Amino acid sequence: MKQPIQTAILALGLALPASFAHSADITVAGGCFWCVEADFEKVSGVSEAVSGYTGGTTSNPTYKQVTGGNTGHYEAVRITYDADTVSRERLFDLFFRSIDPFDDGGQFCDRGASYRPAIFVEDAAERADAEAAKTRAEQELGRDVAVPILDAKTFYEAEDYHQGYYKSTEKTLTRFGYIDRADAYDRYREGCRRDQRVRQVWGDDAPFIGG
C-alpha cells in the first residue's frame, strides 16, 4: 500500500523520488505490538514499524478501549519496507515464525481479542502472498495454523508512548520502580515467555529469539 505522501506526489503527476519508488507496507497482528515492532525493525529493508489498532469498529480508539475488548480492534503493526531489499513474501514468512500460530485466543501471556494474531491485506495479490506463507507454515509444522487473513480496515496509530517502546529511555513506573521503558520491555518479554514459546514451536527457524 502506498504511503499518503506517495499518493499525493503521484496525484500531482510527478515522479516519485528514488527513496519512495519501491516502498510498500504490510499490516500484521501478533500479540503485543511492542514485540512485533521490535522484531521487524531489525529486518534489513524495513524502514519503519508503527504500532496501532485495526480490524474493529471504533474510530480513533484508545489503548484502554482496545484492550478492554469492546472495539473489535487488534493490536497491530504497520511495517514499511523497501521491496528491492526484502520481499513481502519473506516478511510474511518471518511473521509466522515470530508468533505462536496455533493460539487464536491471544499470544503468550496476553489474552483476549485484541491480542489475537492476524494478517490484514489490501488486495488479491497481497492475499495470495499471505495465503502462500500460511500454507508454507502449515507444511513445515505439519498442522493447521489459527491465523486468519482479513481484509484491511483503517489503521489507527497507537499513542506516542507505545511507539519505539522497546528502545525508549523514557522512565516508566513498574513493580521494579522507575526504569527505562526499554528495560520494562525486556522484563515484560522475558516474563511473558514469548521467545521460549516461539522456540518451542519453530526451533531453529525462529528468527527473532532474544529480541
C-alpha atoms as a PDB file:
ATOM      1  CA  MET A   1       0.000   0.000   0.000  1.00  0.00           C
ATOM      2  CA  LYS A   2       1.325   3.426  -0.889  1.00  0.00           C
ATOM      3  CA  GLN A   3       2.022   5.874   1.911  1.00  0.00           C
ATOM      4  CA  PRO A   4      -0.007   9.136   1.906  1.00  0.00           C
ATOM      5  CA  ILE A   5       2.940  11.252   0.734  1.00  0.00           C
ATOM      6  CA  GLN A   6       3.487   8.887  -2.200  1.00  0.00           C
ATOM      7  CA  THR A   7      -0.176   9.110  -3.168  1.00  0.00           C
ATOM      8  CA  ALA A   8      -0.056  12.918  -3.077  1.00  0.00           C
ATOM      9  CA  ILE A   9       3.060  13.039  -5.281  1.00  0.00           C
ATOM     10  CA  LEU A  10       1.523  10.690  -7.847  1.00  0.00           C
ATOM     11  CA  ALA A  11      -1.749  12.662  -7.847  1.00  0.00           C
ATOM     12  CA  LEU A  12       0.225  15.711  -8.956  1.00  0.00           C
ATOM     13  CA  GLY A  13       1.569  13.768 -11.915  1.00  0.00           C
ATOM     14  CA  LEU A  14       5.118  13.856 -10.559  1.00  0.00           C
ATOM     15  CA  ALA A  15       7.662  11.077 -10.438  1.00  0.00           C
ATOM     16  CA  LEU A  16       8.371   9.525  -7.093  1.00  0.00           C
ATOM     17  CA  PRO A  17      11.832  10.214  -5.632  1.00  0.00           C
ATOM     18  CA  ALA A  18      14.072   7.164  -5.653  1.00  0.00           C
ATOM     19  CA  SER A  19      13.705   6.808  -1.879  1.00  0.00           C
ATOM     20  CA  PHE A  20       9.941   6.241  -2.298  1.00  0.00           C
ATOM     21  CA  ALA A  21       9.850   4.300  -5.550  1.00  0.00           C
ATOM     22  CA  HIS A  22       9.740   0.804  -4.057  1.00  0.00           C
ATOM     23  CA  SER A  23       8.346   1.481  -0.591  1.00  0.00           C
ATOM     24  CA  ALA A  24       5.430  -0.704   0.489  1.00  0.00           C
ATOM     25  CA  ASP A  25       3.850  -1.909   3.681  1.00  0.00           C
ATOM     26  CA  ILE A  26       2.057  -4.797   5.332  1.00  0.00           C
ATOM     27  CA  THR A  27      -0.077  -4.866   8.465  1.00  0.00           C
ATOM     28  CA  VAL A  28       0.042  -7.773  10.900  1.00  0.00           C
ATOM     29  CA  ALA A  29      -1.150  -8.537  14.413  1.00  0.00           C
ATOM     30  CA  GLY A  30       0.978 -10.778  16.583  1.00  0.00           C
ATOM     31  CA  GLY A  31       0.061 -10.100  20.179  1.00  0.00           C
ATOM     32  CA  CYS A  32       1.843  -7.257  21.946  1.00  0.00           C
ATOM     33  CA  PHE A  33       2.649  -4.662  19.317  1.00  0.00           C
ATOM     34  CA  TRP A  34       5.815  -3.614  21.163  1.00  0.00           C
ATOM     35  CA  CYS A  35       7.258  -7.050  20.393  1.00  0.00           C
ATOM     36  CA  VAL A  36       6.217  -7.136  16.750  1.00  0.00           C
ATOM     37  CA  GLU A  37       7.674  -3.670  16.250  1.00  0.00           C
ATOM     38  CA  ALA A  38      10.922  -4.649  17.967  1.00  0.00           C
ATOM     39  CA  ASP A  39      11.266  -7.783  15.840  1.00  0.00           C
ATOM     40  CA  PHE A  40      10.609  -6.263  12.445  1.00  0.00           C
ATOM     41  CA  GLU A  41      12.657  -3.108  12.875  1.00  0.00           C
ATOM     42  CA  LYS A  42      15.644  -5.478  12.969  1.00  0.00           C
ATOM     43  CA  VAL A  43      14.912  -6.802   9.463  1.00  0.00           C
ATOM     44  CA  SER A  44      17.113  -5.479   6.676  1.00  0.00           C
ATOM     45  CA  GLY A  45      14.958  -3.478   4.288  1.00  0.00           C
ATOM     46  CA  VAL A  46      12.360  -2.477   6.878  1.00  0.00           C
ATOM     47  CA  SER A  47      12.382   1.280   7.350  1.00  0.00           C
ATOM     48  CA  GLU A  48       9.689   1.604   9.989  1.00  0.00           C
ATOM     49  CA  ALA A  49       7.272  -0.379  12.110  1.00  0.00           C
ATOM     50  CA  VAL A  50       4.381   1.560  13.639  1.00  0.00           C
ATOM     51  CA  SER A  51       2.206   0.241  16.454  1.00  0.00           C
ATOM     52  CA  GLY A  52      -1.522   0.750  16.131  1.00  0.00           C
ATOM     53  CA  TYR A  53      -5.018  -0.653  16.094  1.00  0.00           C
ATOM     54  CA  THR A  54      -7.068  -2.108  13.242  1.00  0.00           C
ATOM     55  CA  GLY A  55      -9.836  -4.525  12.394  1.00  0.00           C
ATOM     56  CA  GLY A  56     -12.526  -3.047  14.627  1.00  0.00           C
ATOM     57  CA  THR A  57     -15.437  -0.662  14.504  1.00  0.00           C
ATOM     58  CA  THR A  58     -14.483   2.162  16.882  1.00  0.00           C
ATOM     59  CA  SER A  59     -12.977   5.285  15.303  1.00  0.00           C
ATOM     60  CA  ASN A  60      -9.759   6.605  16.830  1.00  0.00           C
ATOM     61  CA  PRO A  61      -9.701   4.038  19.626  1.00  0.00           C
ATOM     62  CA  THR A  62      -7.528   4.370  22.704  1.00  0.00           C
ATOM     63  CA  TYR A  63      -5.326   1.666  24.172  1.00  0.00           C
ATOM     64  CA  LYS A  64      -7.695   1.346  27.125  1.00  0.00           C
ATOM     65  CA  GLN A  65     -10.676   0.869  24.824  1.00  0.00           C
ATOM     66  CA  VAL A  66      -8.931  -1.698  22.630  1.00  0.00           C
ATOM     67  CA  THR A  67      -7.571  -3.804  25.473  1.00  0.00           C
ATOM     68  CA  GLY A  68     -10.977  -3.617  27.129  1.00  0.00           C
ATOM     69  CA  GLY A  69     -12.162  -5.855  24.305  1.00  0.00           C
ATOM     70  CA  ASN A  70     -15.202  -3.923  23.136  1.00  0.00           C
ATOM     71  CA  THR A  71     -13.914  -2.289  19.940  1.00  0.00           C
ATOM     72  CA  GLY A  72     -13.123  -5.329  17.794  1.00  0.00           C
ATOM     73  CA  HIS A  73      -9.629  -3.973  17.140  1.00  0.00           C
ATOM     74  CA  TYR A  74      -6.393  -5.912  17.179  1.00  0.00           C
ATOM     75  CA  GLU A  75      -3.084  -4.566  18.425  1.00  0.00           C
ATOM     76  CA  ALA A  76      -1.324  -4.411  15.072  1.00  0.00           C
ATOM     77  CA  VAL A  77       1.830  -3.126  13.410  1.00  0.00           C
ATOM     78  CA  ARG A  78       2.198  -1.467  10.009  1.00  0.00           C
ATOM     79  CA  ILE A  79       5.577  -2.478   8.595  1.00  0.00           C
ATOM     80  CA  THR A  80       7.066  -0.257   5.881  1.00  0.00           C
ATOM     81  CA  TYR A  81       9.811  -1.785   3.767  1.00  0.00           C
ATOM     82  CA  ASP A  82      11.900  -1.417   0.619  1.00  0.00           C
ATOM     83  CA  ALA A  83      10.632  -4.038  -1.800  1.00  0.00           C
ATOM     84  CA  ASP A  84      14.010  -4.063  -3.577  1.00  0.00           C
ATOM     85  CA  THR A  85      15.667  -5.254  -0.369  1.00  0.00           C
ATOM     86  CA  VAL A  86      13.137  -7.587   1.215  1.00  0.00           C
ATOM     87  CA  SER A  87      10.066  -9.178  -0.347  1.00  0.00           C
ATOM     88  CA  ARG A  88       6.546  -9.204   1.006  1.00  0.00           C
ATOM     89  CA  GLU A  89       6.634 -12.999   0.903  1.00  0.00           C
ATOM     90  CA  ARG A  90       9.726 -13.028   3.106  1.00  0.00           C
ATOM     91  CA  LEU A  91       8.120 -10.669   5.613  1.00  0.00           C
ATOM     92  CA  PHE A  92       5.049 -12.881   5.868  1.00  0.00           C
ATOM     93  CA  ASP A  93       7.278 -15.927   6.421  1.00  0.00           C
ATOM     94  CA  LEU A  94       9.103 -14.071   9.185  1.00  0.00           C
ATOM     95  CA  PHE A  95       5.805 -13.037  10.737  1.00  0.00           C
ATOM     96  CA  PHE A  96       4.537 -16.611  11.058  1.00  0.00           C
ATOM     97  CA  ARG A  97       7.866 -17.575  12.627  1.00  0.00           C
ATOM     98  CA  SER A  98       7.683 -14.753  15.180  1.00  0.00           C
ATOM     99  CA  ILE A  99       4.421 -15.871  16.827  1.00  0.00           C
ATOM    100  CA  ASP A 100       2.617 -18.909  18.191  1.00  0.00           C
ATOM    101  CA  PRO A 101       0.465 -19.594  15.113  1.00  0.00           C
ATOM    102  CA  PHE A 102      -1.686 -22.138  16.949  1.00  0.00           C
ATOM    103  CA  ASP A 103      -3.062 -19.700  19.531  1.00  0.00           C
ATOM    104  CA  ASP A 104      -6.174 -17.819  18.461  1.00  0.00           C
ATOM    105  CA  GLY A 105      -7.087 -16.679  21.988  1.00  0.00           C
ATOM    106  CA  GLY A 106      -4.251 -14.178  22.275  1.00  0.00           C
ATOM    107  CA  GLN A 107      -0.483 -14.526  22.221  1.00  0.00           C
ATOM    108  CA  PHE A 108       1.732 -15.789  25.012  1.00  0.00           C
ATOM    109  CA  CYS A 109       0.723 -14.227  28.351  1.00  0.00           C
ATOM    110  CA  ASP A 110      -1.573 -11.662  26.677  1.00  0.00           C
ATOM    111  CA  ARG A 111      -5.096 -12.999  26.406  1.00  0.00           C
ATOM    112  CA  GLY A 112      -8.210 -11.646  24.753  1.00  0.00           C
ATOM    113  CA  ALA A 113      -9.481 -10.479  21.389  1.00  0.00           C
ATOM    114  CA  SER A 114      -7.094  -7.553  20.972  1.00  0.00           C
ATOM    115  CA  TYR A 115      -4.059  -9.856  21.162  1.00  0.00           C
ATOM    116  CA  ARG A 116      -5.161 -12.371  18.528  1.00  0.00           C
ATOM    117  CA  PRO A 117      -2.857 -12.939  15.530  1.00  0.00           C
ATOM    118  CA  ALA A 118      -3.941 -11.945  12.017  1.00  0.00           C
ATOM    119  CA  ILE A 119      -2.726 -10.607   8.682  1.00  0.00           C
ATOM    120  CA  PHE A 120      -4.584  -7.708   7.055  1.00  0.00           C
ATOM    121  CA  VAL A 121      -4.443  -7.486   3.264  1.00  0.00           C
ATOM    122  CA  GLU A 122      -5.209  -4.698   0.805  1.00  0.00           C
ATOM    123  CA  ASP A 123      -5.769  -6.630  -2.430  1.00  0.00           C
ATOM    124  CA  ALA A 124      -5.808 -10.007  -4.152  1.00  0.00           C
ATOM    125  CA  ALA A 125      -2.045 -10.076  -4.750  1.00  0.00           C
ATOM    126  CA  GLU A 126      -1.272  -9.419  -1.099  1.00  0.00           C
ATOM    127  CA  ARG A 127      -3.831 -12.015  -0.033  1.00  0.00           C
ATOM    128  CA  ALA A 128      -2.203 -14.581  -2.332  1.00  0.00           C
ATOM    129  CA  ASP A 129       1.210 -13.917  -0.780  1.00  0.00           C
ATOM    130  CA  ALA A 130      -0.207 -14.173   2.726  1.00  0.00           C
ATOM    131  CA  GLU A 131      -2.065 -17.396   1.918  1.00  0.00           C
ATOM    132  CA  ALA A 132       1.092 -18.885   0.399  1.00  0.00           C
ATOM    133  CA  ALA A 133       3.084 -18.032   3.529  1.00  0.00           C
ATOM    134  CA  LYS A 134       0.370 -19.582   5.685  1.00  0.00           C
ATOM    135  CA  THR A 135       0.498 -22.750   3.605  1.00  0.00           C
ATOM    136  CA  ARG A 136       4.286 -22.907   3.954  1.00  0.00           C
ATOM    137  CA  ALA A 137       3.973 -22.542   7.716  1.00  0.00           C
ATOM    138  CA  GLU A 138       1.383 -25.319   7.897  1.00  0.00           C
ATOM    139  CA  GLN A 139       3.504 -27.613   5.765  1.00  0.00           C
ATOM    140  CA  GLU A 140       6.558 -27.028   7.927  1.00  0.00           C
ATOM    141  CA  LEU A 141       4.670 -27.518  11.178  1.00  0.00           C
ATOM    142  CA  GLY A 142       2.510 -30.390   9.941  1.00  0.00           C
ATOM    143  CA  ARG A 143      -0.797 -28.933  11.150  1.00  0.00           C
ATOM    144  CA  ASP A 144      -3.236 -26.098  10.566  1.00  0.00           C
ATOM    145  CA  VAL A 145      -2.441 -22.681  11.970  1.00  0.00           C
ATOM    146  CA  ALA A 146      -5.010 -20.339  13.522  1.00  0.00           C
ATOM    147  CA  VAL A 147      -4.069 -17.083  11.815  1.00  0.00           C
ATOM    148  CA  PRO A 148      -6.847 -15.510   9.737  1.00  0.00           C
ATOM    149  CA  ILE A 149      -6.121 -13.410   6.667  1.00  0.00           C
ATOM    150  CA  LEU A 150      -8.526 -10.484   6.776  1.00  0.00           C
ATOM    151  CA  ASP A 151      -9.431  -7.567   4.549  1.00  0.00           C
ATOM    152  CA  ALA A 152      -7.649  -4.417   5.665  1.00  0.00           C
ATOM    153  CA  LYS A 153      -9.533  -1.788   7.616  1.00  0.00           C
ATOM    154  CA  THR A 154      -8.490   1.661   8.797  1.00  0.00           C
ATOM    155  CA  PHE A 155      -5.222   1.569  10.719  1.00  0.00           C
ATOM    156  CA  TYR A 156      -5.083   3.923  13.706  1.00  0.00           C
ATOM    157  CA  GLU A 157      -1.650   4.739  15.090  1.00  0.00           C
ATOM    158  CA  ALA A 158      -1.306   3.978  18.769  1.00  0.00           C
ATOM    159  CA  GLU A 159      -0.460   6.613  21.352  1.00  0.00           C
ATOM    160  CA  ASP A 160       3.013   8.161  21.129  1.00  0.00           C
ATOM    161  CA  TYR A 161       4.338   6.367  24.189  1.00  0.00           C
ATOM    162  CA  HIS A 162       3.797   2.991  22.509  1.00  0.00           C
ATOM    163  CA  GLN A 163       5.993   3.869  19.520  1.00  0.00           C
ATOM    164  CA  GLY A 164       9.528   2.533  19.864  1.00  0.00           C
ATOM    165  CA  TYR A 165       8.733   1.383  23.402  1.00  0.00           C
ATOM    166  CA  TYR A 166      11.348  -1.360  23.232  1.00  0.00           C
ATOM    167  CA  LYS A 167      14.159   1.164  22.757  1.00  0.00           C
ATOM    168  CA  SER A 168      12.866   4.162  24.716  1.00  0.00           C
ATOM    169  CA  THR A 169      14.930   5.679  27.531  1.00  0.00           C
ATOM    170  CA  GLU A 170      11.853   7.402  28.976  1.00  0.00           C
ATOM    171  CA  LYS A 171      11.153   6.331  32.534  1.00  0.00           C
ATOM    172  CA  THR A 172       8.035   4.404  33.472  1.00  0.00           C
ATOM    173  CA  LEU A 173       6.722   3.184  36.800  1.00  0.00           C
ATOM    174  CA  THR A 174       6.750  -0.587  37.206  1.00  0.00           C
ATOM    175  CA  ARG A 175       6.790  -3.000  40.120  1.00  0.00           C
ATOM    176  CA  PHE A 176      10.566  -2.735  39.845  1.00  0.00           C
ATOM    177  CA  GLY A 177      10.420   1.036  40.364  1.00  0.00           C
ATOM    178  CA  TYR A 178      11.025   3.801  37.815  1.00  0.00           C
ATOM    179  CA  ILE A 179      13.014   2.247  34.980  1.00  0.00           C
ATOM    180  CA  ASP A 180      13.593   2.900  31.287  1.00  0.00           C
ATOM    181  CA  ARG A 181      10.803   1.708  29.025  1.00  0.00           C
ATOM    182  CA  ALA A 182      13.384  -0.397  27.193  1.00  0.00           C
ATOM    183  CA  ASP A 183      14.199  -2.185  30.444  1.00  0.00           C
ATOM    184  CA  ALA A 184      10.488  -2.603  31.197  1.00  0.00           C
ATOM    185  CA  TYR A 185      10.022  -4.082  27.736  1.00  0.00           C
ATOM    186  CA  ASP A 186      12.850  -6.588  28.240  1.00  0.00           C
ATOM    187  CA  ARG A 187      11.372  -7.675  31.558  1.00  0.00           C
ATOM    188  CA  TYR A 188       7.915  -7.963  30.013  1.00  0.00           C
ATOM    189  CA  ARG A 189       9.122 -10.051  27.070  1.00  0.00           C
ATOM    190  CA  GLU A 190      11.045 -12.392  29.345  1.00  0.00           C
ATOM    191  CA  GLY A 191       8.185 -12.687  31.832  1.00  0.00           C
ATOM    192  CA  CYS A 192       5.709 -13.420  29.047  1.00  0.00           C
ATOM    193  CA  ARG A 193       7.984 -16.225  27.790  1.00  0.00           C
ATOM    194  CA  ARG A 194       7.438 -15.128  24.207  1.00  0.00           C
ATOM    195  CA  ASP A 195      10.818 -16.287  22.946  1.00  0.00           C
ATOM    196  CA  GLN A 196      10.616 -19.576  24.787  1.00  0.00           C
ATOM    197  CA  ARG A 197       7.282 -20.472  23.194  1.00  0.00           C
ATOM    198  CA  VAL A 198       8.381 -19.362  19.711  1.00  0.00           C
ATOM    199  CA  ARG A 199      11.479 -21.526  20.004  1.00  0.00           C
ATOM    200  CA  GLN A 200       9.338 -24.446  21.174  1.00  0.00           C
ATOM    201  CA  VAL A 201       7.148 -24.126  18.068  1.00  0.00           C
ATOM    202  CA  TRP A 202       9.735 -23.185  15.453  1.00  0.00           C
ATOM    203  CA  GLY A 203      13.094 -24.371  16.773  1.00  0.00           C
ATOM    204  CA  ASP A 204      15.985 -23.121  14.651  1.00  0.00           C
ATOM    205  CA  ASP A 205      13.549 -21.407  12.262  1.00  0.00           C
ATOM    206  CA  ALA A 206      12.631 -18.829  14.914  1.00  0.00           C
ATOM    207  CA  PRO A 207      14.284 -15.664  13.563  1.00  0.00           C
ATOM    208  CA  PHE A 208      13.850 -13.180  16.424  1.00  0.00           C
ATOM    209  CA  ILE A 209      14.785 -15.095  19.572  1.00  0.00           C
ATOM    210  CA  GLY A 210      16.307 -12.721  22.086  1.00  0.00           C
ATOM    211  CA  GLY A 211      14.589  -9.693  20.503  1.00  0.00           C
END
